Amino acid sequence: MKNLKSRESKVRRQLKKLDLRLIKSRVKTPNINNCGFYQIVDFNNIVVEGEFFDISLETIEKNLTARIKLLKEHPHFELFGSGFFGLWL
């Protein structure tokens, strides 16, 4: 199993190709407004997924892989619209 840092880097590279960024929570003690995981934002700093830093790296990896595969099979699909991560597979 890859270490956390290399997995994060891979996800960051994949998201960058889609004009998205991965933000890691800096909170030391998770609370109701910040669960301590990750958030995905677009180039305007608008949250695409994980409003309360509530999305795990495993979930992002799984869904990002599925979305990239779907886009390769059907290149006419739009990345945005209802949101790239709005509809989970």
C-alpha atoms as a PDB file:
ATOM      1  CA  MET A   1       0.000   0.000   0.000  1.00  0.00           C
ATOM      2  CA  LYS A   2       1.278   3.416  -0.926  1.00  0.00           C
ATOM      3  CA  ASN A   3       1.964   5.895   1.809  1.00  0.00           C
ATOM      4  CA  LEU A   4      -0.413   8.766   2.429  1.00  0.00           C
ATOM      5  CA  LYS A   5       1.810  11.505   0.998  1.00  0.00           C
ATOM      6  CA  SER A   6       2.277   9.789  -2.372  1.00  0.00           C
ATOM      7  CA  ARG A   7      -1.448   9.040  -2.603  1.00  0.00           C
ATOM      8  CA  GLU A   8      -2.244  12.686  -1.868  1.00  0.00           C
ATOM      9  CA  SER A   9       0.230  13.814  -4.523  1.00  0.00           C
ATOM     10  CA  LYS A  10      -1.302  11.539  -7.136  1.00  0.00           C
ATOM     11  CA  VAL A  11      -4.812  12.814  -6.377  1.00  0.00           C
ATOM     12  CA  ARG A  12      -3.574  16.419  -6.492  1.00  0.00           C
ATOM     13  CA  ARG A  13      -2.033  15.833  -9.943  1.00  0.00           C
ATOM     14  CA  GLN A  14      -5.208  14.222 -11.258  1.00  0.00           C
ATOM     15  CA  LEU A  15      -7.377  17.027  -9.911  1.00  0.00           C
ATOM     16  CA  LYS A  16      -5.047  19.692 -11.304  1.00  0.00           C
ATOM     17  CA  LYS A  17      -5.671  18.327 -14.809  1.00  0.00           C
ATOM     18  CA  LEU A  18      -9.360  18.979 -14.159  1.00  0.00           C
ATOM     19  CA  ASP A  19      -8.716  22.517 -12.825  1.00  0.00           C
ATOM     20  CA  LEU A  20      -9.547  21.390  -9.289  1.00  0.00           C
ATOM     21  CA  ARG A  21      -7.520  21.446  -6.074  1.00  0.00           C
ATOM     22  CA  LEU A  22      -7.337  19.205  -3.020  1.00  0.00           C
ATOM     23  CA  ILE A  23      -7.267  20.965   0.335  1.00  0.00           C
ATOM     24  CA  LYS A  24      -6.394  19.120   3.524  1.00  0.00           C
ATOM     25  CA  SER A  25      -7.955  20.213   6.795  1.00  0.00           C
ATOM     26  CA  ARG A  26      -5.576  21.755   9.319  1.00  0.00           C
ATOM     27  CA  VAL A  27      -7.855  21.310  12.315  1.00  0.00           C
ATOM     28  CA  LYS A  28      -6.323  19.447  15.275  1.00  0.00           C
ATOM     29  CA  THR A  29      -9.617  18.524  16.937  1.00  0.00           C
ATOM     30  CA  PRO A  30     -12.436  17.653  14.496  1.00  0.00           C
ATOM     31  CA  ASN A  31     -15.736  19.439  15.126  1.00  0.00           C
ATOM     32  CA  ILE A  32     -19.144  19.808  13.508  1.00  0.00           C
ATOM     33  CA  ASN A  33     -17.890  22.333  10.931  1.00  0.00           C
ATOM     34  CA  ASN A  34     -14.598  20.635  10.156  1.00  0.00           C
ATOM     35  CA  CYS A  35     -14.377  16.846  10.208  1.00  0.00           C
ATOM     36  CA  GLY A  36     -10.618  16.834   9.618  1.00  0.00           C
ATOM     37  CA  PHE A  37     -10.433  15.227   6.175  1.00  0.00           C
ATOM     38  CA  TYR A  38     -10.309  16.809   2.689  1.00  0.00           C
ATOM     39  CA  GLN A  39     -12.095  19.284   0.476  1.00  0.00           C
ATOM     40  CA  ILE A  40     -12.084  19.730  -3.307  1.00  0.00           C
ATOM     41  CA  VAL A  41     -12.337  23.263  -4.697  1.00  0.00           C
ATOM     42  CA  ASP A  42     -12.327  24.714  -8.199  1.00  0.00           C
ATOM     43  CA  PHE A  43     -10.089  27.487  -9.529  1.00  0.00           C
ATOM     44  CA  ASN A  44     -12.429  30.132  -8.007  1.00  0.00           C
ATOM     45  CA  ASN A  45     -12.145  28.519  -4.553  1.00  0.00           C
ATOM     46  CA  ILE A  46     -15.717  27.294  -4.765  1.00  0.00           C
ATOM     47  CA  VAL A  47     -16.190  24.041  -2.885  1.00  0.00           C
ATOM     48  CA  VAL A  48     -16.960  21.187  -5.252  1.00  0.00           C
ATOM     49  CA  GLU A  49     -17.042  18.454  -2.608  1.00  0.00           C
ATOM     50  CA  GLY A  50     -16.394  18.171   1.119  1.00  0.00           C
ATOM     51  CA  GLU A  51     -17.888  21.412   2.387  1.00  0.00           C
ATOM     52  CA  PHE A  52     -17.036  20.503   5.984  1.00  0.00           C
ATOM     53  CA  PHE A  53     -13.771  18.723   5.151  1.00  0.00           C
ATOM     54  CA  ASP A  54     -15.746  15.499   5.391  1.00  0.00           C
ATOM     55  CA  ILE A  55     -14.491  13.519   2.387  1.00  0.00           C
ATOM     56  CA  SER A  56     -11.800  10.887   2.861  1.00  0.00           C
ATOM     57  CA  LEU A  57      -8.854  10.352   0.548  1.00  0.00           C
ATOM     58  CA  GLU A  58     -10.054   6.798  -0.176  1.00  0.00           C
ATOM     59  CA  THR A  59     -13.438   8.101  -1.330  1.00  0.00           C
ATOM     60  CA  ILE A  60     -11.803  10.739  -3.521  1.00  0.00           C
ATOM     61  CA  GLU A  61      -9.465   8.167  -5.103  1.00  0.00           C
ATOM     62  CA  LYS A  62     -12.274   5.714  -5.804  1.00  0.00           C
ATOM     63  CA  ASN A  63     -14.627   8.275  -7.333  1.00  0.00           C
ATOM     64  CA  LEU A  64     -11.932  10.150  -9.224  1.00  0.00           C
ATOM     65  CA  THR A  65     -10.771   6.910 -10.851  1.00  0.00           C
ATOM     66  CA  ALA A  66     -14.353   6.057 -11.812  1.00  0.00           C
ATOM     67  CA  ARG A  67     -14.971   9.542 -13.234  1.00  0.00           C
ATOM     68  CA  ILE A  68     -11.755   9.573 -15.263  1.00  0.00           C
ATOM     69  CA  LYS A  69     -12.618   6.141 -16.668  1.00  0.00           C
ATOM     70  CA  LEU A  70     -16.102   7.368 -17.553  1.00  0.00           C
ATOM     71  CA  LEU A  71     -14.727  10.479 -19.261  1.00  0.00           C
ATOM     72  CA  LYS A  72     -12.287   8.369 -21.305  1.00  0.00           C
ATOM     73  CA  GLU A  73     -15.104   6.105 -22.453  1.00  0.00           C
ATOM     74  CA  HIS A  74     -17.459   9.022 -23.153  1.00  0.00           C
ATOM     75  CA  PRO A  75     -15.403  12.131 -23.965  1.00  0.00           C
ATOM     76  CA  HIS A  76     -18.530  14.117 -24.847  1.00  0.00           C
ATOM     77  CA  PHE A  77     -19.593  14.239 -21.168  1.00  0.00           C
ATOM     78  CA  GLU A  78     -19.140  17.607 -19.519  1.00  0.00           C
ATOM     79  CA  LEU A  79     -16.943  17.793 -16.451  1.00  0.00           C
ATOM     80  CA  PHE A  80     -19.138  20.319 -14.735  1.00  0.00           C
ATOM     81  CA  GLY A  81     -22.783  21.206 -14.890  1.00  0.00           C
ATOM     82  CA  SER A  82     -24.269  19.275 -11.999  1.00  0.00           C
ATOM     83  CA  GLY A  83     -20.777  19.217 -10.523  1.00  0.00           C
ATOM     84  CA  PHE A  84     -17.918  16.907 -11.285  1.00  0.00           C
ATOM     85  CA  PHE A  85     -18.270  15.186  -7.941  1.00  0.00           C
ATOM     86  CA  GLY A  86     -21.970  15.933  -7.545  1.00  0.00           C
ATOM     87  CA  LEU A  87     -23.112  12.507  -8.680  1.00  0.00           C
ATOM     88  CA  TRP A  88     -21.173   9.682  -7.039  1.00  0.00           C
ATOM     89  CA  LEU A  89     -20.831   6.424  -8.870  1.00  0.00           C
END
